[in-house]
Amino acid sequence: MNADSIRKLLEQVRRGKVSPDEAVERLRHMPFEDLGFAKVDHHRALRNGMPEVIFGQGKTPAQMASIFFRLAKHGGNILATRASEEQLAAVRKRVPKAQYREPARAIVLQRDSKKYGKGIIAVVSAGTSDISVAEEAVVTAEMMGNDVERLYDVGIAGIHRLLANRAVLIRARVVIVCAGMEGALPSVVGGLVGVPVIAVPTSVGYGAAFKGLAALLGMMNSCASNVSVVNIDNGFGAGYVAALINRL
């Protein structure tokens, strides 16, 4: 469906020949924009409720800039994860208002400040070394229209730090917990709250942590019934799912 087809469809809606619901259904299946090296999906938000997000790792600066620019032309917030400063420089040549969120390693363009979440998402990190993954979850949730509260460096090696900040957990509608080493913190948090807890294993730890595998297995074997798990270092996935839950 091209621009002319869209205009005709909107005119049909205006004249009452097509219902708004039917028009939206047609738009859900609009074709992607083919850039040759990428097929940019401009209407993912219509189908899934969230816009397409750019995964920066493995893309050249020029590729990143082209995709970011084409998404920016269609409005809304743009998020690129696992992005480098070289990619940022290329993006800014075409989209000067793009910003870099460190330590999340994300390039963002925020134009929609509307809050879609119905409550607060709490993002918790076991240690300071887990903050980069936690911040990827934060920026994702914020770009999806959510209020986020951070609670960092509250791992079980000093459990009193977590308990002293329990009020943050109680306020939250969803909790994201990022932890490396043995990955025990999500189970503890799960036992303190009555809301979904999304556990994110991080690749932090000594040799036997196997770059996050020990934390992943520990979290998957959690005895807390409200804990679910995303992949190692997948702060984006946690922030995305938390945003969906917070919209319900």
Protein backbone atom coordinates (compact mmCIF):
# COMPACT_ATOMS: atom_id res chain seq x y z
CA MET A 1 0.00 0.00 0.00
CA ASN A 2 1.60 3.27 -1.14
CA ALA A 3 0.91 6.87 -0.14
CA ASP A 4 -1.87 7.28 -2.72
CA SER A 5 -3.60 4.15 -1.48
CA ILE A 6 -3.45 5.43 2.07
CA ARG A 7 -5.00 8.75 1.04
CA LYS A 8 -7.80 6.93 -0.75
CA LEU A 9 -8.39 4.75 2.27
CA LEU A 10 -8.59 7.78 4.57
CA GLU A 11 -11.03 9.43 2.18
CA GLN A 12 -13.20 6.30 2.28
CA VAL A 13 -13.17 6.47 6.07
CA ARG A 14 -14.16 10.15 5.96
CA ARG A 15 -17.10 9.36 3.67
CA GLY A 16 -18.21 6.45 5.83
CA LYS A 17 -17.55 3.81 3.18
CA VAL A 18 -14.93 2.11 5.34
CA SER A 19 -15.09 1.86 9.13
CA PRO A 20 -12.11 3.06 11.21
CA ASP A 21 -11.59 -0.49 12.52
CA GLU A 22 -11.48 -1.88 8.98
CA ALA A 23 -9.00 0.82 7.94
CA VAL A 24 -6.71 -0.02 10.84
CA GLU A 25 -6.90 -3.70 9.92
CA ARG A 26 -5.82 -2.91 6.35
CA LEU A 27 -2.95 -0.74 7.58
CA ARG A 28 -1.66 -3.53 9.82
CA HIS A 29 -0.48 -5.36 6.72
CA MET A 30 1.16 -2.51 4.88
CA PRO A 31 4.40 -3.54 3.17
CA PHE A 32 7.77 -2.82 4.70
CA GLU A 33 10.23 -0.30 3.25
CA ASP A 34 13.00 -2.16 1.43
CA LEU A 35 16.42 -0.49 1.78
CA GLY A 36 18.22 -3.36 0.13
CA PHE A 37 20.22 -4.36 3.21
CA ALA A 38 17.21 -3.98 5.54
CA LYS A 39 13.43 -4.16 5.37
CA VAL A 40 12.11 -1.47 7.70
CA ASP A 41 8.77 -2.30 9.32
CA HIS A 42 6.98 1.01 9.88
CA HIS A 43 3.73 -0.49 11.09
CA ARG A 44 4.88 -2.89 13.76
CA ALA A 45 3.30 -0.64 16.38
CA LEU A 46 -0.11 -1.19 14.77
CA ARG A 47 0.29 -4.96 14.95
CA ASN A 48 2.20 -5.41 18.19
CA GLY A 49 1.61 -2.21 20.11
CA MET A 50 5.31 -1.32 20.03
CA PRO A 51 7.41 0.17 17.20
CA GLU A 52 10.33 -1.60 15.59
CA VAL A 53 13.60 -1.34 17.53
CA ILE A 54 17.01 -1.35 15.82
CA PHE A 55 19.59 -3.88 17.05
CA GLY A 56 22.87 -2.08 16.46
CA GLN A 57 25.37 -4.88 16.92
CA GLY A 58 26.81 -6.01 13.59
CA LYS A 59 25.48 -3.06 11.59
CA THR A 60 27.80 -0.56 9.93
CA PRO A 61 27.44 3.11 10.92
CA ALA A 62 25.97 3.84 7.48
CA GLN A 63 23.40 1.06 7.81
CA MET A 64 22.41 2.22 11.27
CA ALA A 65 22.04 5.82 10.08
CA SER A 66 19.87 4.84 7.12
CA ILE A 67 17.50 2.69 9.17
CA PHE A 68 17.27 5.25 11.97
CA PHE A 69 16.57 8.04 9.48
CA ARG A 70 13.78 6.12 7.72
CA LEU A 71 12.10 5.25 11.01
CA ALA A 72 12.43 8.86 12.18
CA LYS A 73 10.61 10.08 9.05
CA HIS A 74 7.49 8.29 10.22
CA GLY A 75 7.32 9.92 13.67
CA GLY A 76 7.23 8.46 17.15
CA ASN A 77 10.08 7.40 19.41
CA ILE A 78 13.09 5.61 17.93
CA LEU A 79 15.33 3.23 19.88
CA ALA A 80 18.53 1.53 18.76
CA THR A 81 20.16 -0.90 21.20
CA ARG A 82 23.76 -2.19 21.42
CA ALA A 83 24.88 0.88 19.51
CA SER A 84 28.39 2.31 19.27
CA GLU A 85 29.55 5.91 19.34
CA GLU A 86 30.63 5.53 15.70
CA GLN A 87 27.05 4.61 14.83
CA LEU A 88 25.82 7.59 16.84
CA ALA A 89 28.05 9.95 14.86
CA ALA A 90 26.61 8.61 11.59
CA VAL A 91 23.04 8.86 12.89
CA ARG A 92 23.48 12.45 14.06
CA LYS A 93 24.53 13.56 10.59
CA ARG A 94 21.02 12.63 9.42
CA VAL A 95 19.04 12.99 12.66
CA PRO A 96 20.78 15.73 14.69
CA LYS A 97 18.47 15.41 17.70
CA ALA A 98 19.37 11.76 18.33
CA GLN A 99 20.94 11.16 21.74
CA TYR A 100 23.22 8.49 23.20
CA ARG A 101 22.19 6.86 26.48
CA GLU A 102 25.26 5.69 28.36
CA PRO A 103 25.75 3.08 29.88
CA ALA A 104 22.76 1.51 28.11
CA ARG A 105 24.63 1.82 24.77
CA ALA A 106 21.43 3.03 23.15
CA ILE A 107 20.67 5.72 20.59
CA VAL A 108 17.29 7.33 21.15
CA LEU A 109 15.04 9.91 19.58
CA GLN A 110 12.19 10.71 21.95
CA ARG A 111 9.28 12.71 20.55
CA ASP A 112 6.31 11.06 22.24
CA SER A 113 6.23 11.73 25.98
CA LYS A 114 2.81 10.18 26.56
CA LYS A 115 2.64 7.65 29.39
CA TYR A 116 1.13 4.35 28.28
CA GLY A 117 2.02 2.37 31.39
CA LYS A 118 -0.51 2.18 34.20
CA GLY A 119 2.02 1.97 37.01
CA ILE A 120 5.72 2.03 37.84
CA ILE A 121 8.34 -0.40 36.55
CA ALA A 122 11.14 -0.98 39.06
CA VAL A 123 14.54 -1.94 37.65
CA VAL A 124 16.85 -3.59 40.18
CA SER A 125 20.52 -4.50 39.81
CA ALA A 126 22.40 -6.84 42.10
CA GLY A 127 25.69 -4.99 41.66
CA THR A 128 27.21 -1.97 39.98
CA SER A 129 28.62 -4.29 37.31
CA ASP A 130 25.07 -5.15 36.25
CA ILE A 131 24.04 -1.53 35.64
CA SER A 132 24.70 -1.49 31.88
CA VAL A 133 22.16 -4.29 31.36
CA ALA A 134 19.76 -2.67 33.82
CA GLU A 135 20.01 0.64 31.97
CA GLU A 136 19.15 -1.07 28.68
CA ALA A 137 15.94 -2.23 30.38
CA VAL A 138 15.34 1.29 31.72
CA VAL A 139 15.72 3.08 28.40
CA THR A 140 13.54 0.50 26.65
CA ALA A 141 10.73 0.84 29.19
CA GLU A 142 10.97 4.64 29.17
CA MET A 143 10.87 4.86 25.37
CA MET A 144 7.75 2.69 25.47
CA GLY A 145 6.01 5.25 27.68
CA ASN A 146 6.59 4.04 31.23
CA ASP A 147 7.67 5.57 34.53
CA VAL A 148 10.74 3.75 35.85
CA GLU A 149 12.39 3.67 39.27
CA ARG A 150 15.95 2.40 39.68
CA LEU A 151 17.28 0.40 42.62
CA TYR A 152 20.93 -0.45 42.09
CA ASP A 153 23.64 -2.38 43.97
CA VAL A 154 21.30 -4.26 46.31
CA GLY A 155 22.55 -7.83 45.82
CA ILE A 156 22.19 -10.59 48.41
CA ALA A 157 25.77 -10.20 49.60
CA GLY A 158 24.30 -7.29 51.59
CA ILE A 159 20.62 -8.16 51.73
CA HIS A 160 19.92 -5.31 54.16
CA ARG A 161 20.43 -2.89 51.26
CA LEU A 162 17.49 -4.45 49.44
CA LEU A 163 15.24 -4.61 52.49
CA ALA A 164 15.97 -0.97 53.31
CA ASN A 165 14.53 -0.04 49.90
CA ARG A 166 11.53 -2.34 49.93
CA ALA A 167 9.19 0.63 49.42
CA VAL A 168 10.43 0.94 45.81
CA LEU A 169 9.45 -2.68 45.15
CA ILE A 170 6.05 -2.31 46.78
CA ARG A 171 5.18 0.65 44.51
CA ALA A 172 6.01 -1.23 41.33
CA ARG A 173 3.55 -2.94 39.01
CA VAL A 174 6.38 -4.93 37.39
CA VAL A 175 9.92 -5.56 38.66
CA ILE A 176 12.99 -6.27 36.50
CA VAL A 177 15.94 -7.80 38.34
CA CYS A 178 19.40 -7.95 36.73
CA ALA A 179 22.01 -10.16 38.41
CA GLY A 180 25.15 -12.07 37.56
CA MET A 181 27.26 -14.45 39.65
CA GLU A 182 24.82 -17.13 40.93
CA GLY A 183 21.72 -15.12 39.98
CA ALA A 184 19.91 -15.47 43.30
CA LEU A 185 18.46 -11.96 43.65
CA PRO A 186 15.28 -12.44 41.53
CA SER A 187 14.15 -15.27 43.82
CA VAL A 188 14.54 -13.03 46.85
CA VAL A 189 12.66 -10.17 45.20
CA GLY A 190 9.97 -12.60 44.01
CA GLY A 191 9.35 -13.57 47.62
CA LEU A 192 8.82 -9.93 48.62
CA VAL A 193 6.33 -8.76 45.99
CA GLY A 194 3.02 -9.87 44.50
CA VAL A 195 3.70 -8.69 40.94
CA PRO A 196 5.54 -10.17 37.93
CA VAL A 197 9.32 -10.31 38.31
CA ILE A 198 11.37 -10.45 35.12
CA ALA A 199 14.82 -11.89 35.79
CA VAL A 200 17.77 -10.92 33.61
CA PRO A 201 20.95 -12.99 33.99
CA THR A 202 24.08 -10.95 33.28
CA SER A 203 27.46 -12.15 32.06
CA VAL A 204 29.10 -10.93 35.28
CA GLY A 205 31.10 -13.30 37.44
CA TYR A 206 34.22 -15.42 37.75
CA GLY A 207 34.99 -18.47 35.61
CA ALA A 208 32.37 -20.85 37.00
CA ALA A 209 29.69 -18.27 36.20
CA PHE A 210 30.28 -19.26 32.55
CA LYS A 211 29.52 -15.76 31.26
CA GLY A 212 26.01 -15.72 32.69
CA LEU A 213 25.05 -19.36 32.23
CA ALA A 214 25.16 -20.06 35.99
CA ALA A 215 22.85 -17.10 36.66
CA LEU A 216 20.53 -18.14 33.83
CA LEU A 217 20.14 -21.69 35.18
CA GLY A 218 19.71 -20.42 38.73
CA MET A 219 16.94 -18.04 37.68
CA MET A 220 15.19 -20.69 35.59
CA ASN A 221 15.14 -22.92 38.68
CA SER A 222 13.76 -20.19 40.93
CA CYS A 223 11.29 -21.36 43.58
CA ALA A 224 9.50 -17.99 43.42
CA SER A 225 6.40 -18.58 41.29
CA ASN A 226 6.18 -15.02 39.96
CA VAL A 227 9.65 -15.05 38.34
CA SER A 228 10.13 -15.40 34.58
CA VAL A 229 13.47 -15.22 32.78
CA VAL A 230 14.87 -13.63 29.61
CA ASN A 231 18.18 -14.39 27.94
CA ILE A 232 21.63 -13.45 29.21
CA ASP A 233 22.24 -9.67 29.16
CA ASN A 234 18.85 -9.11 27.46
CA GLY A 235 17.86 -5.90 29.21
CA PHE A 236 15.93 -4.87 26.11
CA GLY A 237 13.74 -7.97 26.20
CA ALA A 238 13.00 -7.43 29.89
CA GLY A 239 12.09 -3.78 29.38
CA TYR A 240 9.87 -4.64 26.41
CA VAL A 241 7.91 -7.36 28.20
CA ALA A 242 7.60 -5.21 31.34
CA ALA A 243 6.13 -2.41 29.21
CA LEU A 244 3.56 -4.79 27.73
CA ILE A 245 2.57 -6.03 31.19
CA ASN A 246 2.34 -2.48 32.49
CA ARG A 247 -0.15 -1.59 29.73
CA LEU A 248 -2.60 -4.34 30.65
